[in-house]
Amino acid sequence: MRTTCQVITLGLTLIGATPAAAQVRTIDLTGRPAATISTPISSVSRGAELANGKFVFVDEREVAIQLADFSADALRALSRTGGGPGEYRRPMEALADGKGGAVVPDGALGRAVLISGGAEVVGTGFELQTTGVIPGMIRGFDPQGRAYRRGRAAAAGRDSLPIERWDPATKTVAVLAWQQLVRVQPTPMRKLPDGRMGGEILAAPELFPMRPDWMPLLDGSVAIVNQAPYRVDVVTPAGKRIVGPVVKYQPIKVTSAYRTWWSKSQFPAQDDMFPAVLPPVDGLMSQLRASTEGELWVPRLRDWNDSLPKYDIFDKTGTLTGRAVLKPHSHVIGFGRGVIYVARQTPDDDFWHLEKYQARP
């Protein structure tokens, strides 16, 4: 199906280089959660809270869309594998659709499973042949149901990808900004924790490229994380680009101990693949999160012996307003009305556990 494409001309609004008056709050997620799911899980994707308060996510290892009911400490699978209506073959993650439901891209069938706010599978949508883009390239939705996605490389040339907003109602595409491309290649075969051999991880010739990353926010803005200098720019729904304040940070030196840790815990890598110091954020493997309060959560890279995951929190002007710290082996997988969803892995068995915290403890 033919679509119309327009490029938005970006206005530029400059904000001071330092967040002088901003008060940076601390969110401690190392304590006891408000609720948990006691059933261990094989794998956990990014997820979405539905209008009924339940949380939907994907267990890729078990090939299942899972629904977590924290009020009942219950977990159940939605639909089943297959090619029929509402079925799936390779679900990837659950994205909030902006209207209380969720969209789950299917990497095998080139479409997405649609879930209502009442936790019912209501069909499929966002087919490749309709949108022109693989559903797995969608990063999020706004309340109008417009999808924010990575565009095709051919549309942007060889060095960047378009960041697009696609409106399914009008079948039109707006280019909001551009993201630098990074050449990647498969890593060597390695032994996985469960004993299987795998080599499907993609890595750049340099392990930590200084590439910007991005994520749509709740109001339809797009937040862009820049590495050097470290700051967050925001493209508003109208196309104005707000340049956020520069965030000062202490670069982490890449020592021989770090390189040894990486080669043992990730995959073997030559010394010349490592930079002298780590950038603030991983520009290759995106783990950005957008909260229901319109904030961007940015996971920081940390040293090999720092066990506590940390996030920088930015508002819709690109200003650093908070920092969060988590338990070891944890990461944020979603947000809800006043709550934060966290997945925590137990190293002895590699299972994951779901936890729910109050957003404002």
Protein backbone atom coordinates (compact mmCIF):
# COMPACT_ATOMS: atom_id res chain seq x y z
CA MET A 1 0.00 0.00 0.00
CA ARG A 2 1.34 3.44 -0.97
CA THR A 3 2.09 5.81 1.90
CA THR A 4 2.81 9.50 1.97
CA CYS A 5 6.10 10.63 3.51
CA GLN A 6 6.94 14.11 4.75
CA VAL A 7 10.06 15.39 6.46
CA ILE A 8 9.48 17.69 9.42
CA THR A 9 11.80 20.69 9.51
CA LEU A 10 13.19 20.90 13.01
CA GLY A 11 13.18 24.17 14.87
CA LEU A 12 15.95 24.46 17.47
CA THR A 13 15.47 25.49 21.07
CA LEU A 14 18.57 25.75 23.23
CA ILE A 15 18.57 25.13 26.96
CA GLY A 16 21.50 25.98 29.22
CA ALA A 17 24.50 23.69 29.26
CA THR A 18 24.03 22.72 32.90
CA PRO A 19 20.83 21.86 34.83
CA ALA A 20 21.37 24.69 37.31
CA ALA A 21 18.04 24.74 39.12
CA ALA A 22 16.94 21.16 38.51
CA GLN A 23 16.61 19.03 41.62
CA VAL A 24 17.75 15.47 41.01
CA ARG A 25 15.73 12.96 43.04
CA THR A 26 16.79 9.42 43.91
CA ILE A 27 14.58 6.36 43.42
CA ASP A 28 15.75 3.36 45.43
CA LEU A 29 14.51 0.07 43.96
CA THR A 30 16.78 -2.14 46.06
CA GLY A 31 14.27 -2.73 48.84
CA ARG A 32 11.20 -4.90 49.17
CA PRO A 33 8.81 -4.63 46.20
CA ALA A 34 5.12 -3.80 46.62
CA ALA A 35 4.16 -7.06 44.88
CA THR A 36 5.79 -9.99 43.11
CA ILE A 37 5.02 -12.91 40.83
CA SER A 38 6.36 -16.02 42.56
CA THR A 39 6.41 -18.19 39.43
CA PRO A 40 9.94 -18.23 37.90
CA ILE A 41 10.15 -17.21 34.24
CA SER A 42 12.58 -18.32 31.51
CA SER A 43 12.94 -14.88 29.90
CA VAL A 44 11.29 -11.46 30.20
CA SER A 45 10.88 -8.74 27.58
CA ARG A 46 9.80 -5.13 27.86
CA GLY A 47 6.14 -5.08 28.82
CA ALA A 48 3.05 -2.90 29.18
CA GLU A 49 0.48 -2.32 31.90
CA LEU A 50 -3.06 -2.74 30.59
CA ALA A 51 -6.11 -0.66 31.50
CA ASN A 52 -7.25 -3.38 33.92
CA GLY A 53 -3.98 -3.12 35.88
CA LYS A 54 -2.46 -6.38 34.65
CA PHE A 55 0.96 -6.54 33.01
CA VAL A 56 1.70 -8.19 29.67
CA PHE A 57 5.16 -9.21 28.43
CA VAL A 58 6.85 -11.84 26.26
CA ASP A 59 8.80 -14.93 27.30
CA GLU A 60 10.84 -15.45 24.13
CA ARG A 61 12.43 -18.68 25.31
CA GLU A 62 9.03 -20.30 25.91
CA VAL A 63 7.52 -18.52 22.84
CA ALA A 64 4.64 -17.12 24.86
CA ILE A 65 2.83 -13.85 25.50
CA GLN A 66 2.39 -13.82 29.27
CA LEU A 67 -0.09 -11.95 31.45
CA ALA A 68 0.93 -11.16 35.03
CA ASP A 69 -1.74 -10.47 37.66
CA PHE A 70 0.13 -9.12 40.67
CA SER A 71 -3.03 -8.87 42.79
CA ALA A 72 -3.46 -12.66 42.55
CA ASP A 73 0.22 -13.63 42.11
CA ALA A 74 -0.83 -15.36 38.88
CA LEU A 75 0.72 -15.85 35.47
CA ARG A 76 -0.97 -17.19 32.33
CA ALA A 77 -0.26 -17.33 28.61
CA LEU A 78 -2.40 -15.43 26.10
CA SER A 79 -3.41 -17.20 22.88
CA ARG A 80 -0.92 -19.75 21.50
CA THR A 81 1.67 -20.39 18.82
CA GLY A 82 0.41 -20.74 15.28
CA GLY A 83 -0.47 -18.75 12.19
CA GLY A 84 -4.16 -18.19 12.77
CA PRO A 85 -6.03 -15.10 14.00
CA GLY A 86 -4.48 -13.79 17.21
CA GLU A 87 -1.75 -16.46 17.19
CA TYR A 88 2.01 -15.91 16.99
CA ARG A 89 5.25 -17.66 16.09
CA ARG A 90 7.95 -15.35 17.47
CA PRO A 91 6.58 -12.64 19.76
CA MET A 92 9.21 -10.03 20.63
CA GLU A 93 7.97 -7.60 23.32
CA ALA A 94 4.78 -5.90 24.49
CA LEU A 95 4.36 -2.22 23.64
CA ALA A 96 1.72 -0.01 25.26
CA ASP A 97 -0.63 1.11 22.47
CA GLY A 98 -1.37 4.46 24.14
CA LYS A 99 -5.02 3.54 24.74
CA GLY A 100 -4.78 1.00 27.55
CA GLY A 101 -3.99 -2.04 25.45
CA ALA A 102 -0.81 -3.52 24.00
CA VAL A 103 0.79 -4.39 20.67
CA VAL A 104 3.14 -7.40 20.43
CA PRO A 105 5.26 -7.49 17.24
CA ASP A 106 5.75 -10.97 15.75
CA GLY A 107 9.21 -11.36 14.21
CA ALA A 108 8.25 -14.45 12.21
CA LEU A 109 4.84 -13.55 10.75
CA GLY A 110 5.54 -9.90 9.94
CA ARG A 111 2.60 -8.60 11.95
CA ALA A 112 1.63 -7.83 15.54
CA VAL A 113 -0.79 -9.35 18.04
CA LEU A 114 -3.29 -6.82 19.42
CA ILE A 115 -4.32 -7.03 23.10
CA SER A 116 -7.18 -5.04 24.60
CA GLY A 117 -7.14 -3.15 27.89
CA GLY A 118 -9.12 -6.04 29.34
CA ALA A 119 -6.34 -8.53 28.50
CA GLU A 120 -8.09 -10.13 25.55
CA VAL A 121 -6.38 -10.97 22.26
CA VAL A 122 -8.50 -9.10 19.71
CA GLY A 123 -6.65 -9.93 16.50
CA THR A 124 -3.58 -8.90 14.54
CA GLY A 125 -2.42 -5.71 12.86
CA PHE A 126 0.52 -3.61 11.62
CA GLU A 127 1.25 -6.14 8.89
CA LEU A 128 4.47 -5.67 6.94
CA GLN A 129 2.61 -5.45 3.64
CA THR A 130 0.43 -2.62 5.02
CA THR A 131 2.99 -0.52 6.88
CA GLY A 132 5.99 -1.18 4.66
CA VAL A 133 8.15 -1.68 7.73
CA ILE A 134 8.87 -4.75 9.87
CA PRO A 135 6.66 -4.49 13.01
CA GLY A 136 9.69 -5.26 15.17
CA MET A 137 11.09 -1.83 14.25
CA ILE A 138 8.29 -0.09 16.15
CA ARG A 139 9.52 1.52 19.40
CA GLY A 140 6.20 2.78 20.78
CA PHE A 141 2.83 4.47 20.28
CA ASP A 142 1.14 7.72 21.26
CA PRO A 143 -2.48 8.18 22.48
CA GLN A 144 -3.58 8.78 18.87
CA GLY A 145 -2.41 5.28 17.94
CA ARG A 146 0.48 6.54 15.79
CA ALA A 147 3.53 4.27 15.70
CA TYR A 148 7.10 5.48 16.18
CA ARG A 149 9.56 3.32 14.32
CA ARG A 150 12.95 2.98 12.69
CA GLY A 151 12.69 3.49 8.95
CA ARG A 152 14.47 1.61 6.21
CA ALA A 153 18.15 2.25 5.54
CA ALA A 154 17.52 2.89 1.83
CA ALA A 155 15.33 5.85 2.71
CA ALA A 156 18.12 7.62 4.57
CA GLY A 157 21.27 6.78 2.67
CA ARG A 158 24.19 4.78 3.97
CA ASP A 159 25.01 6.52 7.24
CA SER A 160 21.68 6.98 9.04
CA LEU A 161 18.17 5.66 9.59
CA PRO A 162 15.03 7.81 9.70
CA ILE A 163 13.05 8.02 12.94
CA GLU A 164 9.49 7.93 11.68
CA ARG A 165 5.97 8.52 12.95
CA TRP A 166 3.46 6.41 11.03
CA ASP A 167 -0.25 7.23 11.23
CA PRO A 168 -2.35 4.12 10.48
CA ALA A 169 -5.46 6.25 10.02
CA THR A 170 -4.07 8.39 7.21
CA LYS A 171 -1.29 6.04 6.04
CA THR A 172 1.18 8.92 6.18
CA VAL A 173 4.78 8.95 7.43
CA ALA A 174 6.60 11.87 9.04
CA VAL A 175 10.39 11.79 9.46
CA LEU A 176 11.18 13.32 12.87
CA ALA A 177 14.96 12.87 13.04
CA TRP A 178 17.80 10.58 11.98
CA GLN A 179 19.85 7.93 13.77
CA GLN A 180 23.42 7.06 12.84
CA LEU A 181 23.98 3.56 11.48
CA VAL A 182 26.53 1.21 13.01
CA ARG A 183 28.02 -1.69 11.08
CA VAL A 184 27.53 -4.96 12.96
CA GLN A 185 28.60 -8.56 12.51
CA PRO A 186 27.73 -11.88 14.23
CA THR A 187 29.86 -12.78 17.22
CA PRO A 188 31.67 -16.14 17.48
CA MET A 189 29.76 -19.18 18.69
CA ARG A 190 29.67 -19.37 22.47
CA LYS A 191 28.26 -21.62 25.15
CA LEU A 192 25.04 -20.29 26.66
CA PRO A 193 24.13 -20.67 30.37
CA ASP A 194 21.79 -23.58 29.57
CA GLY A 195 24.57 -25.49 27.78
CA ARG A 196 23.44 -24.77 24.21
CA MET A 197 25.77 -23.18 21.67
CA GLY A 198 24.76 -19.81 20.24
CA GLY A 199 26.23 -17.08 18.10
CA GLU A 200 23.32 -14.85 17.17
CA ILE A 201 24.47 -11.76 19.05
CA LEU A 202 25.40 -8.89 16.76
CA ALA A 203 28.33 -6.69 17.71
CA ALA A 204 30.04 -3.69 16.17
CA PRO A 205 33.76 -3.75 15.37
CA GLU A 206 34.00 -1.41 18.35
CA LEU A 207 31.95 -2.77 21.23
CA PHE A 208 30.63 0.59 22.43
CA PRO A 209 29.97 2.84 19.43
CA MET A 210 29.13 6.47 20.20
CA ARG A 211 25.77 6.20 18.48
CA PRO A 212 22.71 8.17 19.60
CA ASP A 213 19.69 6.18 20.75
CA TRP A 214 16.04 7.22 20.92
CA MET A 215 12.64 6.44 22.40
CA PRO A 216 9.16 7.98 21.96
CA LEU A 217 7.61 9.58 25.04
CA LEU A 218 3.99 9.44 26.18
CA ASP A 219 2.97 12.75 24.55
CA GLY A 220 4.35 11.86 21.11
CA SER A 221 7.71 13.54 21.60
CA VAL A 222 10.87 11.64 20.69
CA ALA A 223 13.79 11.67 23.15
CA ILE A 224 17.26 11.27 21.60
CA VAL A 225 20.19 10.27 23.83
CA ASN A 226 23.52 11.71 22.65
CA GLN A 227 26.84 10.31 23.83
CA ALA A 228 29.37 13.11 23.35
CA PRO A 229 28.47 15.33 25.00
CA TYR A 230 26.06 13.28 27.11
CA ARG A 231 22.66 14.92 26.84
CA VAL A 232 19.06 14.20 25.83
CA ASP A 233 17.43 16.16 23.02
CA VAL A 234 13.66 16.09 22.56
CA VAL A 235 11.78 16.46 19.29
CA THR A 236 8.29 17.72 20.14
CA PRO A 237 5.17 16.49 18.29
CA ALA A 238 5.27 19.74 16.30
CA GLY A 239 8.82 19.05 15.13
CA LYS A 240 10.73 21.49 17.36
CA ARG A 241 14.02 20.12 18.66
CA ILE A 242 14.87 20.97 22.27
CA VAL A 243 18.56 20.59 23.08
CA GLY A 244 18.84 19.36 26.65
CA PRO A 245 21.48 20.39 29.18
CA VAL A 246 24.81 18.58 29.07
CA VAL A 247 25.11 16.00 31.86
CA LYS A 248 28.54 15.74 33.45
CA TYR A 249 29.77 12.24 34.29
CA GLN A 250 32.99 10.51 35.27
CA PRO A 251 34.11 8.26 32.39
CA ILE A 252 34.87 4.66 33.36
CA LYS A 253 38.29 3.45 32.26
CA VAL A 254 38.38 0.15 30.38
CA THR A 255 41.02 -1.80 32.29
CA SER A 256 42.43 -5.27 31.69
CA ALA A 257 40.11 -6.49 34.44
CA TYR A 258 37.14 -5.11 32.52
CA ARG A 259 38.26 -6.74 29.26
CA THR A 260 38.73 -10.07 31.03
CA TRP A 261 35.29 -9.83 32.64
CA TRP A 262 33.68 -9.00 29.29
CA SER A 263 35.31 -11.91 27.44
CA LYS A 264 34.18 -14.34 30.13
CA SER A 265 30.65 -13.04 30.70
CA GLN A 266 29.70 -11.88 27.16
CA PHE A 267 31.88 -13.23 24.35
CA PRO A 268 35.62 -13.26 23.54
CA ALA A 269 36.78 -9.91 22.17
CA GLN A 270 40.11 -8.55 21.00
CA ASP A 271 41.65 -5.70 22.98
CA ASP A 272 41.38 -3.31 20.03
CA MET A 273 37.58 -3.67 20.07
CA PHE A 274 37.42 -1.82 23.41
CA PRO A 275 37.56 1.97 23.76
CA ALA A 276 39.85 3.60 26.33
CA VAL A 277 36.82 4.67 28.39
CA LEU A 278 33.18 3.62 28.35
CA PRO A 279 30.56 5.99 26.95
CA PRO A 280 27.72 6.85 29.34
CA VAL A 281 25.19 4.65 27.49
CA ASP A 282 25.26 1.53 25.32
CA GLY A 283 24.65 2.88 21.83
CA LEU A 284 24.20 -0.54 20.24
CA MET A 285 21.84 -2.55 22.46
CA SER A 286 18.97 -0.20 23.28
CA GLN A 287 17.44 -0.54 26.74
CA LEU A 288 15.79 2.88 27.01
CA ARG A 289 12.44 3.05 28.78
CA ALA A 290 9.65 5.65 28.64
CA SER A 291 7.50 6.01 31.75
CA THR A 292 3.78 6.70 31.97
CA GLU A 293 4.71 10.09 33.45
CA GLY A 294 6.44 11.13 30.24
CA GLU A 295 9.98 10.58 31.49
CA LEU A 296 12.89 8.82 29.80
CA TRP A 297 14.86 6.24 31.80
CA VAL A 298 18.41 5.77 30.51
CA PRO A 299 20.45 2.75 31.78
CA ARG A 300 24.05 3.74 32.46
CA LEU A 301 27.04 1.61 31.58
CA ARG A 302 28.99 0.61 34.67
CA ASP A 303 32.29 -0.98 35.64
CA TRP A 304 32.76 -4.74 35.75
CA ASN A 305 32.69 -4.84 39.59
CA ASP A 306 29.68 -2.52 40.01
CA SER A 307 26.74 -4.85 40.63
CA LEU A 308 23.97 -2.24 41.01
CA PRO A 309 22.16 -1.23 37.80
CA LYS A 310 21.55 2.52 37.55
CA TYR A 311 19.28 4.73 35.45
CA ASP A 312 19.35 8.43 34.69
CA ILE A 313 15.85 9.95 34.46
CA PHE A 314 15.07 12.86 32.11
CA ASP A 315 11.93 14.95 31.69
CA LYS A 316 10.35 16.05 28.40
CA THR A 317 12.75 19.01 28.14
CA GLY A 318 15.79 16.73 28.27
CA THR A 319 16.67 17.81 31.82
CA LEU A 320 18.09 15.27 34.26
CA THR A 321 15.58 15.11 37.12
CA GLY A 322 16.35 11.82 38.86
CA ARG A 323 18.43 8.71 39.24
CA ALA A 324 17.34 5.17 40.09
CA VAL A 325 19.30 2.26 41.52
CA LEU A 326 18.23 -1.40 41.36
CA LYS A 327 19.18 -4.72 42.90
CA PRO A 328 21.92 -6.74 41.19
CA HIS A 329 20.88 -8.62 38.02
CA SER A 330 17.80 -6.43 37.56
CA HIS A 331 16.42 -4.10 34.93
CA VAL A 332 13.27 -2.04 34.36
CA ILE A 333 10.79 -3.65 31.98
CA GLY A 334 7.82 -1.29 32.18
CA PHE A 335 5.72 1.30 33.95
CA GLY A 336 2.13 1.70 35.08
CA ARG A 337 -0.04 4.09 37.02
CA GLY A 338 2.32 5.02 39.86
CA VAL A 339 4.34 1.79 39.60
CA ILE A 340 7.57 0.48 38.09
CA TYR A 341 7.96 -3.10 36.85
CA VAL A 342 11.33 -4.78 37.30
CA ALA A 343 12.71 -8.16 36.17
CA ARG A 344 15.36 -9.72 38.42
CA GLN A 345 17.45 -12.75 37.53
CA THR A 346 18.76 -15.29 40.03
CA PRO A 347 22.30 -16.24 38.87
CA ASP A 348 22.24 -19.73 40.33
CA ASP A 349 19.44 -20.94 38.02
CA ASP A 350 19.13 -18.08 35.44
CA PHE A 351 15.38 -17.76 36.04
CA TRP A 352 13.72 -14.35 36.10
CA HIS A 353 11.33 -12.96 38.69
CA LEU A 354 8.83 -10.11 38.28
CA GLU A 355 8.65 -7.34 40.86
CA LYS A 356 6.43 -4.26 41.11
CA TYR A 357 7.53 -1.12 42.98
CA GLN A 358 5.82 2.13 43.86
CA ALA A 359 7.08 4.88 41.56
CA ARG A 360 7.17 7.44 44.37
CA PRO A 361 8.25 5.53 47.50
